[in-house]
């Protein structure tokens, strides 16, 4: 089987989603699964080849506000890894691009977050030895950090559907040595940096408590919207960590870096 056939087989073999069937992310996960159902979408290979244009991905993981991206682009142009880290690939056919630099808003956005952390802490991401990312999207941040020159351990924890997409995407982009995990108890508990960009802040209290109670890190890079998540103040626990609060380029959102 080719890589898309392997991905499809793994996606269709996932067990039913447990828990609340009305949750927002449950709907997204089910919709991603349906992309691999030949009875709903006949040409699976075509679907996967353009997966960065799926509404499920665009609505949750694609950053595209032009006025924000231009600010972020200016901020990262003097970054030591700028030339290599934000170079975009054709994998998934990303729809929005900065053609003049061969990049996309998503990669610029990821690089911007890294620069925020580096400027706040005075450290370089490439000097670290262990990173855990909670909610890694389709793998954009991991790709940017690897291409920036980071060679240490990198673990992404995410939903099974997204973990499979991350494995496929990173492999197709030539990115190696990224562990895509779906079982929290199997992840090492101690890391140098924990990244949670609009992920820990989109969890209900029991899940957020479970993650923050198990995973420990010397440094953190969080991001959140300054609003409750489905009637839960998901910001409160994040704000208890030592941090410098940095406004993002998007109104009402903040980074917490230390």
Protein backbone atom coordinates (compact mmCIF):
# COMPACT_ATOMS: atom_id res chain seq x y z
CA UNK A 1 0.00 0.00 0.00
CA UNK A 2 1.10 3.56 -0.59
CA UNK A 3 1.19 6.13 2.23
CA UNK A 4 -2.31 7.43 1.58
CA UNK A 5 -3.73 3.91 1.58
CA UNK A 6 -1.94 3.20 4.88
CA UNK A 7 -3.25 6.44 6.37
CA UNK A 8 -6.78 5.60 5.21
CA UNK A 9 -6.64 2.10 6.67
CA UNK A 10 -5.43 3.44 10.03
CA UNK A 11 -8.08 6.18 10.08
CA UNK A 12 -10.91 3.76 9.31
CA UNK A 13 -9.64 1.36 11.99
CA UNK A 14 -9.91 3.90 14.81
CA UNK A 15 -12.36 2.91 17.54
CA UNK A 16 -15.53 4.99 18.02
CA UNK A 17 -15.05 8.32 19.77
CA UNK A 18 -15.94 8.04 23.44
CA UNK A 19 -17.57 10.59 25.70
CA UNK A 20 -19.69 13.61 24.85
CA UNK A 21 -20.91 13.33 21.26
CA UNK A 22 -22.12 16.93 21.14
CA UNK A 23 -18.76 18.62 21.81
CA UNK A 24 -17.25 20.94 19.20
CA UNK A 25 -14.03 18.96 18.79
CA UNK A 26 -15.97 15.69 18.60
CA UNK A 27 -17.74 17.08 15.56
CA UNK A 28 -14.44 18.07 13.96
CA UNK A 29 -12.96 14.61 14.61
CA UNK A 30 -15.96 12.83 13.14
CA UNK A 31 -15.86 15.07 10.09
CA UNK A 32 -12.16 14.26 9.52
CA UNK A 33 -12.95 10.55 9.71
CA UNK A 34 -15.65 10.97 7.08
CA UNK A 35 -13.06 12.34 4.66
CA UNK A 36 -11.68 8.81 4.47
CA UNK A 37 -15.07 7.13 4.00
CA UNK A 38 -15.38 6.17 0.33
CA UNK A 39 -19.14 6.14 0.74
CA UNK A 40 -19.08 9.88 1.48
CA UNK A 41 -15.98 11.06 -0.42
CA UNK A 42 -15.25 8.78 -3.35
CA UNK A 43 -11.69 9.86 -4.16
CA UNK A 44 -9.74 9.48 -0.93
CA UNK A 45 -6.35 10.09 -2.56
CA UNK A 46 -7.52 13.45 -3.91
CA UNK A 47 -8.99 14.34 -0.51
CA UNK A 48 -5.71 13.68 1.28
CA UNK A 49 -3.68 15.52 -1.36
CA UNK A 50 -5.61 18.72 -0.53
CA UNK A 51 -6.21 18.14 3.18
CA UNK A 52 -4.93 21.60 4.12
CA UNK A 53 -7.95 22.97 2.29
CA UNK A 54 -10.50 20.91 4.22
CA UNK A 55 -12.94 23.07 6.14
CA UNK A 56 -12.14 21.03 9.28
CA UNK A 57 -8.48 22.07 9.01
CA UNK A 58 -8.98 25.62 7.74
CA UNK A 59 -11.48 26.50 10.47
CA UNK A 60 -9.33 25.19 13.32
CA UNK A 61 -5.67 25.25 12.30
CA UNK A 62 -5.10 27.75 9.48
CA UNK A 63 -4.07 31.28 10.41
CA UNK A 64 -4.92 33.73 7.67
CA UNK A 65 -5.67 37.25 8.92
CA UNK A 66 -3.54 39.34 6.47
CA UNK A 67 -3.03 42.29 8.81
CA UNK A 68 -1.74 39.95 11.53
CA UNK A 69 0.46 37.87 9.24
CA UNK A 70 2.21 40.97 7.87
CA UNK A 71 3.11 42.08 11.40
CA UNK A 72 4.39 38.61 12.25
CA UNK A 73 6.38 38.38 9.05
CA UNK A 74 8.19 41.63 9.82
CA UNK A 75 8.95 40.34 13.32
CA UNK A 76 10.63 37.11 12.17
CA UNK A 77 12.64 38.38 9.19
CA UNK A 78 15.79 38.77 11.27
CA UNK A 79 15.36 35.38 12.98
CA UNK A 80 18.43 33.14 12.59
CA UNK A 81 16.26 30.31 11.19
CA UNK A 82 14.05 32.46 8.95
CA UNK A 83 15.31 31.20 5.59
CA UNK A 84 14.96 27.50 6.38
CA UNK A 85 12.18 27.23 8.95
CA UNK A 86 9.32 28.95 7.13
CA UNK A 87 9.87 27.42 3.70
CA UNK A 88 6.55 25.85 2.70
CA UNK A 89 5.96 22.46 1.10
CA UNK A 90 3.36 21.34 -1.41
CA UNK A 91 2.09 18.61 0.92
CA UNK A 92 -1.64 19.08 1.53
CA UNK A 93 -1.77 21.97 -0.93
CA UNK A 94 -1.84 24.91 1.53
CA UNK A 95 -4.21 27.46 0.09
CA UNK A 96 -2.87 30.71 1.51
CA UNK A 97 0.71 31.65 0.73
CA UNK A 98 3.30 34.38 0.86
CA UNK A 99 4.56 33.57 -2.59
CA UNK A 100 7.37 36.09 -2.46
CA UNK A 101 9.04 34.18 0.40
CA UNK A 102 7.77 30.70 -0.42
CA UNK A 103 5.90 30.40 2.87
CA UNK A 104 2.39 30.33 4.29
CA UNK A 105 0.68 32.25 7.10
CA UNK A 106 0.68 29.12 9.26
CA UNK A 107 4.45 28.70 9.16
CA UNK A 108 4.97 32.42 9.72
CA UNK A 109 2.57 32.21 12.67
CA UNK A 110 4.45 29.26 14.18
CA UNK A 111 7.81 31.00 13.75
CA UNK A 112 6.36 34.14 15.34
CA UNK A 113 5.37 32.20 18.47
CA UNK A 114 8.89 30.76 18.73
CA UNK A 115 10.39 34.23 18.44
CA UNK A 116 8.06 35.49 21.16
CA UNK A 117 9.31 32.72 23.45
CA UNK A 118 12.97 33.26 22.54
CA UNK A 119 12.77 37.03 23.02
CA UNK A 120 10.99 36.60 26.35
CA UNK A 121 13.31 33.97 27.82
CA UNK A 122 16.59 34.91 26.16
CA UNK A 123 17.04 31.28 25.08
CA UNK A 124 17.18 29.65 21.66
CA UNK A 125 14.79 26.86 20.78
CA UNK A 126 17.71 24.99 19.22
CA UNK A 127 19.49 24.79 22.61
CA UNK A 128 16.73 22.69 24.18
CA UNK A 129 16.73 18.92 24.50
CA UNK A 130 13.06 18.01 25.05
CA UNK A 131 9.80 19.56 23.83
CA UNK A 132 6.23 18.36 24.32
CA UNK A 133 3.46 20.01 22.29
CA UNK A 134 -0.15 19.60 23.37
CA UNK A 135 -2.41 19.88 20.34
CA UNK A 136 -0.06 20.02 17.38
CA UNK A 137 -2.56 20.74 14.60
CA UNK A 138 -1.34 18.97 11.49
CA UNK A 139 2.34 19.30 12.47
CA UNK A 140 3.28 22.82 11.36
CA UNK A 141 4.99 23.86 14.61
CA UNK A 142 7.00 20.65 14.78
CA UNK A 143 8.13 21.19 11.19
CA UNK A 144 9.21 24.78 11.83
CA UNK A 145 11.12 23.86 14.98
CA UNK A 146 12.89 20.93 13.34
CA UNK A 147 13.86 23.04 10.33
CA UNK A 148 15.09 25.76 12.66
CA UNK A 149 17.77 23.28 13.69
CA UNK A 150 16.33 21.70 16.83
CA UNK A 151 17.60 18.13 17.22
CA UNK A 152 16.24 17.09 20.61
CA UNK A 153 13.24 14.96 21.57
CA UNK A 154 9.91 16.22 20.22
CA UNK A 155 6.54 14.77 21.25
CA UNK A 156 3.10 15.87 20.05
CA UNK A 157 0.02 14.78 21.96
CA UNK A 158 -3.26 15.03 20.09
CA UNK A 159 -6.49 13.33 19.09
CA UNK A 160 -5.92 10.07 17.17
CA UNK A 161 -7.27 11.53 13.91
CA UNK A 162 -4.86 14.46 14.05
CA UNK A 163 -1.99 12.28 15.20
CA UNK A 164 -2.38 10.20 12.03
CA UNK A 165 -2.44 13.34 9.87
CA UNK A 166 0.67 14.64 11.67
CA UNK A 167 2.56 11.42 11.00
CA UNK A 168 1.62 11.54 7.32
CA UNK A 169 2.33 15.26 6.88
CA UNK A 170 5.68 15.30 8.66
CA UNK A 171 6.83 12.17 6.85
CA UNK A 172 5.91 13.65 3.48
CA UNK A 173 7.78 16.85 4.38
CA UNK A 174 10.88 14.85 5.28
CA UNK A 175 10.67 15.66 8.99
CA UNK A 176 11.98 12.84 11.17
CA UNK A 177 12.03 11.97 14.86
CA UNK A 178 8.72 13.46 15.95
CA UNK A 179 6.68 11.22 18.22
CA UNK A 180 2.94 11.57 17.62
CA UNK A 181 1.29 10.28 20.79
CA UNK A 182 -2.33 9.63 21.70
CA UNK A 183 -1.92 7.99 25.14
CA UNK A 184 -0.99 10.47 27.86
CA UNK A 185 0.44 7.85 30.28
CA UNK A 186 2.98 6.82 27.63
CA UNK A 187 4.52 10.31 27.40
CA UNK A 188 7.53 11.14 29.54
CA UNK A 189 6.43 13.47 32.31
CA UNK A 190 9.39 15.88 32.34
CA UNK A 191 10.38 18.20 29.47
CA UNK A 192 12.31 21.42 29.01
CA UNK A 193 9.51 23.16 27.09
CA UNK A 194 5.77 22.57 26.97
CA UNK A 195 3.92 24.17 24.06
CA UNK A 196 0.15 24.58 24.15
CA UNK A 197 -1.08 27.11 21.62
CA UNK A 198 -4.85 27.49 21.81
CA UNK A 199 -5.10 23.85 22.88
CA UNK A 200 -4.94 23.68 26.67
CA UNK A 201 -7.26 26.68 26.61
CA UNK A 202 -9.77 24.69 24.55
CA UNK A 203 -10.15 21.90 27.08
CA UNK A 204 -12.72 21.33 29.76
CA UNK A 205 -11.52 21.37 33.35
CA UNK A 206 -11.02 17.59 33.90
CA UNK A 207 -8.87 17.21 30.76
CA UNK A 208 -6.87 20.36 31.41
CA UNK A 209 -6.22 19.29 35.01
CA UNK A 210 -5.12 15.84 33.84
CA UNK A 211 -2.56 17.27 31.40
CA UNK A 212 -1.16 19.96 33.65
CA UNK A 213 -1.03 17.56 36.57
CA UNK A 214 1.01 14.96 34.70
CA UNK A 215 3.30 16.90 32.37
CA UNK A 216 5.99 19.10 33.87
CA UNK A 217 8.33 21.51 32.09
CA UNK A 218 10.95 24.08 32.99
CA UNK A 219 9.63 26.44 30.32
CA UNK A 220 6.21 27.04 28.81
CA UNK A 221 4.74 28.62 25.70
CA UNK A 222 0.96 28.86 25.98
CA UNK A 223 -1.58 30.85 23.98
CA UNK A 224 -5.24 31.47 24.67
CA UNK A 225 -8.23 33.60 23.74
CA UNK A 226 -9.35 35.92 26.52
CA UNK A 227 -12.77 34.27 26.82
CA UNK A 228 -14.30 31.24 28.49
CA UNK A 229 -14.23 27.91 26.66
CA UNK A 230 -17.75 26.47 26.60
CA UNK A 231 -18.56 28.20 29.93
CA UNK A 232 -15.27 27.15 31.56
CA UNK A 233 -12.57 29.67 32.48
CA UNK A 234 -9.76 27.75 30.83
CA UNK A 235 -7.32 30.65 31.30
CA UNK A 236 -7.11 30.52 35.08
CA UNK A 237 -4.88 27.44 35.41
CA UNK A 238 -2.50 28.64 32.68
CA UNK A 239 -2.07 31.98 34.40
CA UNK A 240 -0.82 30.26 37.57
CA UNK A 241 2.42 29.30 35.81
CA UNK A 242 5.33 31.78 35.96
CA UNK A 243 4.99 33.80 32.77
CA UNK A 244 5.34 36.97 30.79
CA UNK A 245 2.06 37.84 29.13
CA UNK A 246 2.51 38.96 25.53
CA UNK A 247 -0.41 40.16 23.37
CA UNK A 248 -0.72 38.25 20.12
CA UNK A 249 -1.32 40.01 16.83
CA UNK A 250 -4.93 38.80 16.94
CA UNK A 251 -7.23 40.88 19.16
CA UNK A 252 -8.17 39.20 22.41
CA UNK A 253 -5.43 36.54 22.31
CA UNK A 254 -2.28 36.29 24.41
CA UNK A 255 0.91 34.29 24.71
CA UNK A 256 2.26 33.20 28.08
CA UNK A 257 5.99 32.61 27.86
CA UNK A 258 8.65 31.66 30.37
